[in-house]
Amino acid sequence: MALRVIKLLLFLAIVTGISLLGYSFFGDMSPNAAPQNKSVTLNGG
């Protein structure tokens, strides 16, 4: 029983490490901010 828990914890630690590694490479894939300028006409206001 204890060996099964240790294997589970080891597996979770490995999956967490892989997840953090993937996030460190691909976590900041948001596009660069660019200024937006567009005129808007509101009817009746």
N, C-alpha and C. Protein backbone atom coordinates (compact mmCIF):
# COMPACT_ATOMS: atom_id res chain seq x y z
N MET A 1 0.83 -1.20 0.00
CA MET A 1 0.00 0.00 0.00
C MET A 1 0.87 1.26 0.00
N ALA A 2 1.90 1.28 0.84
CA ALA A 2 2.77 2.46 0.90
C ALA A 2 3.53 2.64 -0.41
N LEU A 3 3.91 1.54 -1.03
CA LEU A 3 4.63 1.61 -2.30
C LEU A 3 3.74 2.22 -3.39
N ARG A 4 2.47 1.91 -3.36
CA ARG A 4 1.53 2.45 -4.34
C ARG A 4 1.39 3.96 -4.17
N VAL A 5 1.35 4.43 -2.93
CA VAL A 5 1.25 5.87 -2.66
C VAL A 5 2.53 6.58 -3.10
N ILE A 6 3.67 5.97 -2.86
CA ILE A 6 4.93 6.57 -3.27
C ILE A 6 5.01 6.66 -4.79
N LYS A 7 4.57 5.62 -5.48
CA LYS A 7 4.56 5.65 -6.95
C LYS A 7 3.63 6.74 -7.46
N LEU A 8 2.47 6.90 -6.82
CA LEU A 8 1.53 7.94 -7.22
C LEU A 8 2.15 9.32 -7.03
N LEU A 9 2.79 9.54 -5.89
CA LEU A 9 3.41 10.84 -5.62
C LEU A 9 4.55 11.11 -6.61
N LEU A 10 5.32 10.10 -6.93
CA LEU A 10 6.39 10.26 -7.90
C LEU A 10 5.83 10.59 -9.28
N PHE A 11 4.78 9.90 -9.66
CA PHE A 11 4.13 10.18 -10.95
C PHE A 11 3.60 11.61 -11.00
N LEU A 12 2.95 12.04 -9.92
CA LEU A 12 2.41 13.41 -9.88
C LEU A 12 3.53 14.44 -9.92
N ALA A 13 4.65 14.16 -9.27
CA ALA A 13 5.78 15.08 -9.29
C ALA A 13 6.36 15.20 -10.70
N ILE A 14 6.44 14.08 -11.41
CA ILE A 14 6.95 14.10 -12.78
C ILE A 14 6.00 14.87 -13.70
N VAL A 15 4.71 14.61 -13.58
CA VAL A 15 3.73 15.31 -14.41
C VAL A 15 3.75 16.81 -14.11
N THR A 16 3.88 17.18 -12.85
CA THR A 16 3.97 18.59 -12.47
C THR A 16 5.21 19.24 -13.06
N GLY A 17 6.33 18.53 -13.01
CA GLY A 17 7.56 19.07 -13.59
C GLY A 17 7.45 19.28 -15.09
N ILE A 18 6.86 18.32 -15.78
CA ILE A 18 6.67 18.46 -17.23
C ILE A 18 5.72 19.62 -17.54
N SER A 19 4.68 19.76 -16.73
CA SER A 19 3.73 20.86 -16.93
C SER A 19 4.40 22.21 -16.73
N LEU A 20 5.21 22.32 -15.70
CA LEU A 20 5.91 23.59 -15.45
C LEU A 20 6.92 23.89 -16.56
N LEU A 21 7.58 22.87 -17.05
CA LEU A 21 8.52 23.05 -18.15
C LEU A 21 7.79 23.53 -19.40
N GLY A 22 6.65 22.91 -19.71
CA GLY A 22 5.87 23.34 -20.86
C GLY A 22 5.35 24.75 -20.71
N TYR A 23 4.91 25.10 -19.51
CA TYR A 23 4.41 26.46 -19.27
C TYR A 23 5.53 27.48 -19.40
N SER A 24 6.73 27.12 -18.96
CA SER A 24 7.84 28.07 -19.05
C SER A 24 8.19 28.37 -20.50
N PHE A 25 7.99 27.40 -21.40
CA PHE A 25 8.28 27.64 -22.81
C PHE A 25 7.11 28.29 -23.53
N PHE A 26 5.89 27.85 -23.26
CA PHE A 26 4.74 28.26 -24.06
C PHE A 26 3.71 29.09 -23.29
N GLY A 27 4.01 29.48 -22.07
CA GLY A 27 3.02 30.16 -21.23
C GLY A 27 2.73 31.58 -21.65
N ASP A 28 3.71 32.26 -22.26
CA ASP A 28 3.51 33.67 -22.61
C ASP A 28 3.42 33.80 -24.12
N MET A 29 2.38 33.24 -24.68
CA MET A 29 2.22 33.30 -26.13
C MET A 29 1.18 34.34 -26.54
N SER A 30 0.95 35.32 -25.67
CA SER A 30 -0.01 36.37 -26.01
C SER A 30 0.61 37.29 -27.06
N PRO A 31 -0.19 37.84 -27.94
CA PRO A 31 0.36 38.73 -28.97
C PRO A 31 0.82 40.04 -28.37
N ASN A 32 1.74 40.69 -29.05
CA ASN A 32 2.23 41.99 -28.58
C ASN A 32 1.11 43.02 -28.71
N ALA A 33 1.04 43.91 -27.74
CA ALA A 33 0.02 44.95 -27.75
C ALA A 33 0.35 45.98 -28.82
N ALA A 34 -0.66 46.39 -29.55
CA ALA A 34 -0.50 47.42 -30.58
C ALA A 34 -1.60 48.46 -30.38
N PRO A 35 -1.27 49.72 -30.54
CA PRO A 35 -2.30 50.76 -30.36
C PRO A 35 -3.41 50.62 -31.41
N GLN A 36 -4.63 50.80 -30.96
CA GLN A 36 -5.81 50.70 -31.83
C GLN A 36 -6.47 52.08 -31.89
N ASN A 37 -6.75 52.53 -33.09
CA ASN A 37 -7.39 53.82 -33.28
C ASN A 37 -8.48 53.68 -34.34
N LYS A 38 -9.74 53.82 -33.93
CA LYS A 38 -10.83 53.69 -34.88
C LYS A 38 -11.96 54.64 -34.46
N SER A 39 -12.45 55.41 -35.41
CA SER A 39 -13.54 56.34 -35.12
C SER A 39 -14.86 55.58 -35.09
N VAL A 40 -15.72 55.98 -34.17
CA VAL A 40 -17.01 55.34 -34.00
C VAL A 40 -18.09 56.41 -34.04
N THR A 41 -19.16 56.17 -34.81
CA THR A 41 -20.28 57.09 -34.87
C THR A 41 -21.46 56.44 -34.16
N LEU A 42 -21.99 57.13 -33.16
CA LEU A 42 -23.16 56.63 -32.43
C LEU A 42 -24.39 57.36 -32.91
N ASN A 43 -25.42 56.62 -33.33
CA ASN A 43 -26.66 57.23 -33.81
C ASN A 43 -27.53 57.62 -32.62
N GLY A 44 -28.04 58.83 -32.64
CA GLY A 44 -28.99 59.29 -31.64
C GLY A 44 -28.33 59.64 -30.30
N GLY A 45 -27.06 59.81 -30.26
CA GLY A 45 -26.47 60.05 -28.98
C GLY A 45 -25.59 61.23 -28.97
